[in-house]
């Protein structure tokens, strides 16, 4: 089972010392069957007067920091090591009844999955786009449907770094044929839910063997999980066209993207006091864990 090291640094710069309000962080990886956290360290400068850890309703780790000091710089450095077991998505792992779409979740499952089945858009254009992955009679091979949608988004949509807050409406992403990783994930989630397949938003990190690929590698990242009877929650990354959890480190799973913001908080001062925010991320396998420079993060 490979060991990955992740270092994520966020630094805020101000023209003069400012006061800081509460900051909420989702930076510690999930403890799932396929990823086991070995070490996790969070260093904050200036040191908070209080820090507390909780878990949200999805089982994600959430830290909340409060501050008493003023400063010209606020820095968050998260370092973690985890065992990561790559898993694939094989048709043979799907329960017989779910191998052909449409299928019905069991009554108990459906209750648990309700928030992940709630439609994100009723727009006809989204429904037409999702229906294009079905046969004329409305059926499809479940494995093929999920893989085709993942790879079609990767092949036909432009993946761009987009620094504005929030996510695009799925219909806007269809119209533009482009979006950030979170936009493309949101589109796929909306399409899957329109087809009656439970899907949720995942935020975390992407590790690539070739870190020279700064388009999607070495950054915070977002993708999709769909719930399929048999394998359970399966990872699909429409930005790269990959499926299965290979090279993906999960931090948070949620029903909608706004609940998975890695770091958010407030500061007290004038607008002109804020100079810059810098983010850097490095994801390394054990063999190259001592590699030096951080790679600047993008959308």
Protein backbone atom coordinates (compact mmCIF):
# COMPACT_ATOMS: atom_id res chain seq x y z
CA UNK A 1 0.00 0.00 0.00
CA UNK A 2 1.74 3.21 -1.16
CA UNK A 3 2.42 6.03 1.27
CA UNK A 4 1.68 9.58 0.16
CA UNK A 5 2.82 12.80 1.78
CA UNK A 6 0.80 15.98 1.33
CA UNK A 7 1.93 19.48 2.29
CA UNK A 8 -0.58 22.30 1.86
CA UNK A 9 0.38 25.89 2.76
CA UNK A 10 -1.96 28.89 2.63
CA UNK A 11 -0.60 32.35 3.49
CA UNK A 12 -2.50 35.63 3.75
CA UNK A 13 -0.53 38.90 3.56
CA UNK A 14 -1.70 42.27 4.92
CA UNK A 15 -0.31 45.81 4.71
CA UNK A 16 -0.51 46.27 8.49
CA UNK A 17 -1.42 44.12 11.50
CA UNK A 18 -5.08 43.09 11.35
CA UNK A 19 -7.33 41.13 13.69
CA UNK A 20 -8.62 37.70 12.72
CA UNK A 21 -12.04 36.19 13.20
CA UNK A 22 -12.89 32.51 13.37
CA UNK A 23 -11.36 30.28 10.70
CA UNK A 24 -12.82 26.91 9.66
CA UNK A 25 -10.53 24.30 8.09
CA UNK A 26 -11.10 21.02 6.25
CA UNK A 27 -7.52 19.91 5.69
CA UNK A 28 -7.17 16.48 7.37
CA UNK A 29 -7.79 13.47 5.10
CA UNK A 30 -10.71 11.16 5.74
CA UNK A 31 -10.10 7.83 7.44
CA UNK A 32 -11.60 5.53 4.81
CA UNK A 33 -10.98 1.88 4.01
CA UNK A 34 -8.70 2.78 1.10
CA UNK A 35 -6.75 5.58 2.81
CA UNK A 36 -5.40 5.44 6.36
CA UNK A 37 -3.97 8.57 7.98
CA UNK A 38 -0.58 7.86 9.59
CA UNK A 39 0.34 11.39 10.65
CA UNK A 40 -1.41 14.74 10.43
CA UNK A 41 0.02 18.05 11.62
CA UNK A 42 -1.44 21.53 11.39
CA UNK A 43 0.78 24.54 12.15
CA UNK A 44 -0.82 28.00 12.28
CA UNK A 45 1.06 31.31 12.60
CA UNK A 46 0.26 33.34 14.64
CA UNK A 47 -0.76 30.57 17.01
CA UNK A 48 -4.52 30.53 17.64
CA UNK A 49 -5.81 31.19 21.13
CA UNK A 50 -8.11 28.19 20.72
CA UNK A 51 -8.49 25.35 18.24
CA UNK A 52 -11.14 22.64 18.27
CA UNK A 53 -11.73 19.54 16.15
CA UNK A 54 -15.07 18.02 15.25
CA UNK A 55 -16.63 15.78 12.59
CA UNK A 56 -19.52 16.91 10.44
CA UNK A 57 -22.54 14.79 9.48
CA UNK A 58 -20.57 13.25 6.60
CA UNK A 59 -17.70 12.12 8.83
CA UNK A 60 -15.27 14.80 7.60
CA UNK A 61 -12.69 16.30 9.97
CA UNK A 62 -13.31 19.99 10.68
CA UNK A 63 -11.00 22.28 12.69
CA UNK A 64 -12.01 25.70 14.01
CA UNK A 65 -9.39 28.25 15.09
CA UNK A 66 -9.86 31.48 17.05
CA UNK A 67 -7.23 34.21 17.40
CA UNK A 68 -6.27 36.86 19.95
CA UNK A 69 -3.24 38.37 18.16
CA UNK A 70 -3.03 40.83 15.30
CA UNK A 71 -0.51 40.16 12.53
CA UNK A 72 0.56 41.16 9.01
CA UNK A 73 0.61 37.53 7.95
CA UNK A 74 -1.61 34.54 8.66
CA UNK A 75 -0.17 31.16 7.66
CA UNK A 76 -1.68 27.68 7.69
CA UNK A 77 0.61 24.71 7.02
CA UNK A 78 -0.95 21.26 6.89
CA UNK A 79 1.33 18.21 6.55
CA UNK A 80 0.05 14.66 6.41
CA UNK A 81 1.17 11.12 5.61
CA UNK A 82 -1.25 8.38 4.67
CA UNK A 83 -1.37 4.85 3.34
CA UNK A 84 -3.26 4.85 0.08
CA UNK A 85 -4.68 1.70 -1.53
CA UNK A 86 -5.54 2.21 -5.22
CA UNK A 87 -8.89 0.66 -6.18
CA UNK A 88 -10.50 0.17 -9.59
CA UNK A 89 -14.10 0.07 -10.75
CA UNK A 90 -14.94 -3.28 -12.30
CA UNK A 91 -18.28 -4.32 -13.79
CA UNK A 92 -18.03 -7.68 -12.04
CA UNK A 93 -18.15 -5.94 -8.64
CA UNK A 94 -21.61 -4.47 -9.31
CA UNK A 95 -24.60 -6.34 -7.89
CA UNK A 96 -26.53 -8.13 -10.63
CA UNK A 97 -29.66 -5.99 -10.27
CA UNK A 98 -27.66 -2.76 -10.66
CA UNK A 99 -25.61 -3.71 -13.72
CA UNK A 100 -28.27 -2.31 -16.02
CA UNK A 101 -29.65 1.20 -15.67
CA UNK A 102 -32.25 2.18 -14.59
CA UNK A 103 -32.11 0.26 -11.31
CA UNK A 104 -33.72 0.88 -7.93
CA UNK A 105 -31.82 1.27 -4.67
CA UNK A 106 -33.10 -0.78 -1.75
CA UNK A 107 -35.51 0.99 0.59
CA UNK A 108 -32.94 1.30 3.40
CA UNK A 109 -30.23 2.50 1.03
CA UNK A 110 -32.51 5.06 -0.55
CA UNK A 111 -33.28 6.67 2.81
CA UNK A 112 -29.55 7.02 3.53
CA UNK A 113 -28.86 8.30 0.01
CA UNK A 114 -31.73 10.78 -0.19
CA UNK A 115 -29.60 13.95 0.05
CA UNK A 116 -27.31 12.58 -2.69
CA UNK A 117 -30.25 11.92 -5.01
CA UNK A 118 -31.83 15.39 -4.72
CA UNK A 119 -31.79 16.94 -8.23
CA UNK A 120 -29.49 19.93 -8.65
CA UNK A 121 -31.16 21.20 -11.80
CA UNK A 122 -34.45 20.62 -13.60
CA UNK A 123 -33.28 22.41 -16.74
CA UNK A 124 -34.28 20.52 -19.93
CA UNK A 125 -30.84 21.01 -21.44
CA UNK A 126 -29.17 19.16 -18.57
CA UNK A 127 -31.68 16.32 -18.82
CA UNK A 128 -31.13 16.04 -22.58
CA UNK A 129 -27.37 15.93 -22.08
CA UNK A 130 -27.64 13.22 -19.41
CA UNK A 131 -30.11 11.22 -21.51
CA UNK A 132 -27.62 11.13 -24.41
CA UNK A 133 -25.70 8.45 -22.48
CA UNK A 134 -28.73 6.13 -22.61
CA UNK A 135 -30.03 3.90 -25.36
CA UNK A 136 -33.21 4.86 -27.19
CA UNK A 137 -35.26 2.79 -24.74
CA UNK A 138 -33.76 4.69 -21.77
CA UNK A 139 -31.50 1.86 -20.62
CA UNK A 140 -27.72 1.59 -20.31
CA UNK A 141 -25.01 -0.65 -18.92
CA UNK A 142 -24.29 0.98 -15.57
CA UNK A 143 -20.51 0.56 -15.75
CA UNK A 144 -20.36 1.89 -19.31
CA UNK A 145 -22.65 4.82 -18.47
CA UNK A 146 -20.46 6.02 -15.59
CA UNK A 147 -17.18 5.54 -17.43
CA UNK A 148 -18.48 7.15 -20.64
CA UNK A 149 -19.80 10.22 -18.81
CA UNK A 150 -16.48 10.67 -16.96
CA UNK A 151 -14.42 10.38 -20.13
CA UNK A 152 -16.79 12.44 -22.28
CA UNK A 153 -16.52 15.40 -19.89
CA UNK A 154 -12.74 15.10 -19.95
CA UNK A 155 -12.66 14.85 -23.75
CA UNK A 156 -15.21 17.51 -24.70
CA UNK A 157 -14.95 20.13 -21.94
CA UNK A 158 -11.97 22.41 -21.37
CA UNK A 159 -10.54 22.20 -17.86
CA UNK A 160 -9.56 25.70 -16.70
CA UNK A 161 -8.31 27.32 -13.51
CA UNK A 162 -11.12 29.55 -12.29
CA UNK A 163 -10.38 31.62 -9.18
CA UNK A 164 -13.85 33.07 -8.56
CA UNK A 165 -15.67 31.73 -5.50
CA UNK A 166 -18.41 29.16 -5.82
CA UNK A 167 -19.28 26.89 -8.72
CA UNK A 168 -20.89 27.43 -12.10
CA UNK A 169 -24.44 26.32 -12.65
CA UNK A 170 -24.31 22.99 -14.55
CA UNK A 171 -26.20 24.49 -17.50
CA UNK A 172 -23.64 27.31 -17.70
CA UNK A 173 -20.87 24.72 -17.80
CA UNK A 174 -22.68 23.00 -20.67
CA UNK A 175 -22.99 26.30 -22.54
CA UNK A 176 -19.35 27.26 -22.02
CA UNK A 177 -18.02 23.72 -22.52
CA UNK A 178 -15.42 24.58 -19.88
CA UNK A 179 -14.96 24.88 -16.15
CA UNK A 180 -12.74 24.25 -13.18
CA UNK A 181 -12.50 20.81 -11.61
CA UNK A 182 -15.27 21.74 -9.17
CA UNK A 183 -17.50 22.95 -12.06
CA UNK A 184 -17.01 19.74 -14.03
CA UNK A 185 -17.66 17.66 -10.91
CA UNK A 186 -20.85 19.61 -10.23
CA UNK A 187 -22.03 19.02 -13.81
CA UNK A 188 -21.49 15.28 -13.53
CA UNK A 189 -23.23 15.11 -10.15
CA UNK A 190 -26.25 16.98 -11.56
CA UNK A 191 -26.40 14.65 -14.59
CA UNK A 192 -26.13 11.48 -12.48
CA UNK A 193 -28.83 12.64 -10.09
CA UNK A 194 -31.04 13.47 -13.07
CA UNK A 195 -30.68 9.80 -14.02
CA UNK A 196 -31.50 8.61 -10.50
CA UNK A 197 -27.92 7.71 -9.50
CA UNK A 198 -26.73 8.90 -6.08
CA UNK A 199 -23.70 11.17 -6.42
CA UNK A 200 -21.70 13.41 -4.10
CA UNK A 201 -18.98 16.05 -4.31
CA UNK A 202 -15.45 15.19 -3.19
CA UNK A 203 -12.62 17.60 -2.40
CA UNK A 204 -9.01 16.68 -1.81
CA UNK A 205 -5.72 16.38 -3.66
CA UNK A 206 -4.50 14.83 -6.88
CA UNK A 207 -1.08 13.17 -7.11
CA UNK A 208 0.49 12.62 -10.52
CA UNK A 209 3.74 10.79 -11.23
CA UNK A 210 4.73 13.68 -13.47
CA UNK A 211 4.44 16.86 -11.42
CA UNK A 212 5.33 18.89 -14.52
CA UNK A 213 1.66 18.66 -15.44
CA UNK A 214 0.58 21.82 -13.64
CA UNK A 215 -2.82 21.83 -15.32
CA UNK A 216 -4.37 19.44 -12.81
CA UNK A 217 -1.45 17.95 -10.85
CA UNK A 218 -0.08 19.12 -7.51
CA UNK A 219 -3.21 21.04 -6.65
CA UNK A 220 -6.25 20.88 -4.48
CA UNK A 221 -8.79 19.03 -6.57
CA UNK A 222 -12.47 18.12 -6.81
CA UNK A 223 -14.23 15.11 -8.28
CA UNK A 224 -17.30 12.87 -7.92
CA UNK A 225 -18.35 9.75 -6.07
CA UNK A 226 -21.33 7.71 -7.25
CA UNK A 227 -22.99 5.04 -5.14
CA UNK A 228 -23.32 1.69 -6.89
CA UNK A 229 -24.68 -1.43 -5.19
CA UNK A 230 -21.73 -3.76 -4.70
CA UNK A 231 -18.62 -1.56 -4.70
CA UNK A 232 -20.43 1.25 -2.84
CA UNK A 233 -19.02 4.76 -3.30
CA UNK A 234 -16.79 4.87 -6.38
CA UNK A 235 -14.55 7.81 -7.40
CA UNK A 236 -14.91 9.41 -10.84
CA UNK A 237 -12.71 12.34 -11.92
CA UNK A 238 -14.23 14.08 -14.95
CA UNK A 239 -11.32 16.57 -15.11
CA UNK A 240 -8.86 13.77 -15.93
CA UNK A 241 -11.25 11.14 -17.29
CA UNK A 242 -10.09 8.63 -14.68
CA UNK A 243 -12.22 6.38 -12.49
CA UNK A 244 -11.25 4.61 -9.28
CA UNK A 245 -9.31 6.33 -6.51
CA UNK A 246 -5.81 6.06 -8.01
CA UNK A 247 -3.82 9.26 -7.24
CA UNK A 248 -6.77 10.82 -5.39
CA UNK A 249 -6.57 11.80 -1.71
CA UNK A 250 -9.99 12.43 -0.17
CA UNK A 251 -10.39 15.25 2.33
CA UNK A 252 -14.15 15.79 2.36
CA UNK A 253 -17.31 14.27 0.87
CA UNK A 254 -20.47 16.39 0.86
CA UNK A 255 -23.81 16.75 -0.87
CA UNK A 256 -22.96 20.21 -2.26
CA UNK A 257 -19.63 22.00 -2.90
CA UNK A 258 -20.08 24.94 -0.50
CA UNK A 259 -19.79 22.51 2.42
CA UNK A 260 -16.28 21.40 1.40
CA UNK A 261 -14.31 24.67 1.35
CA UNK A 262 -10.77 23.80 2.59
CA UNK A 263 -10.22 27.07 4.48
CA UNK A 264 -12.51 29.98 5.22
CA UNK A 265 -12.53 32.76 7.80
CA UNK A 266 -12.70 36.47 8.44
CA UNK A 267 -10.33 39.33 9.25
CA UNK A 268 -10.93 42.83 10.58
CA UNK A 269 -9.41 45.81 8.80
CA UNK A 270 -9.88 47.92 5.68
CA UNK A 271 -10.15 46.44 2.20
CA UNK A 272 -6.81 47.99 1.23
CA UNK A 273 -5.06 46.10 4.04
CA UNK A 274 -5.37 42.80 2.18
CA UNK A 275 -2.40 42.34 -0.16
CA UNK A 276 -2.43 38.73 -1.32
CA UNK A 277 -3.31 35.13 -0.64
CA UNK A 278 -0.82 32.46 -1.72
CA UNK A 279 -1.50 28.72 -1.84
CA UNK A 280 1.05 25.98 -2.44
CA UNK A 281 0.53 22.22 -2.51
CA UNK A 282 2.90 19.29 -2.84
CA UNK A 283 1.74 15.68 -3.07
CA UNK A 284 4.54 13.12 -3.16
CA UNK A 285 4.82 9.33 -3.09
CA UNK A 286 7.20 7.77 -0.57
CA UNK A 287 10.01 7.49 -3.11
CA UNK A 288 10.01 11.19 -3.83
CA UNK A 289 8.68 12.51 -0.53
CA UNK A 290 11.84 14.51 0.08
CA UNK A 291 11.45 16.51 -3.13
CA UNK A 292 11.93 20.17 -2.48
CA UNK A 293 9.90 23.01 -3.86
CA UNK A 294 6.17 23.30 -3.49
CA UNK A 295 4.10 23.60 -6.61
CA UNK A 296 1.86 26.62 -6.78
CA UNK A 297 -1.77 25.56 -6.56
CA UNK A 298 -4.46 26.43 -9.06
CA UNK A 299 -8.23 26.10 -9.62
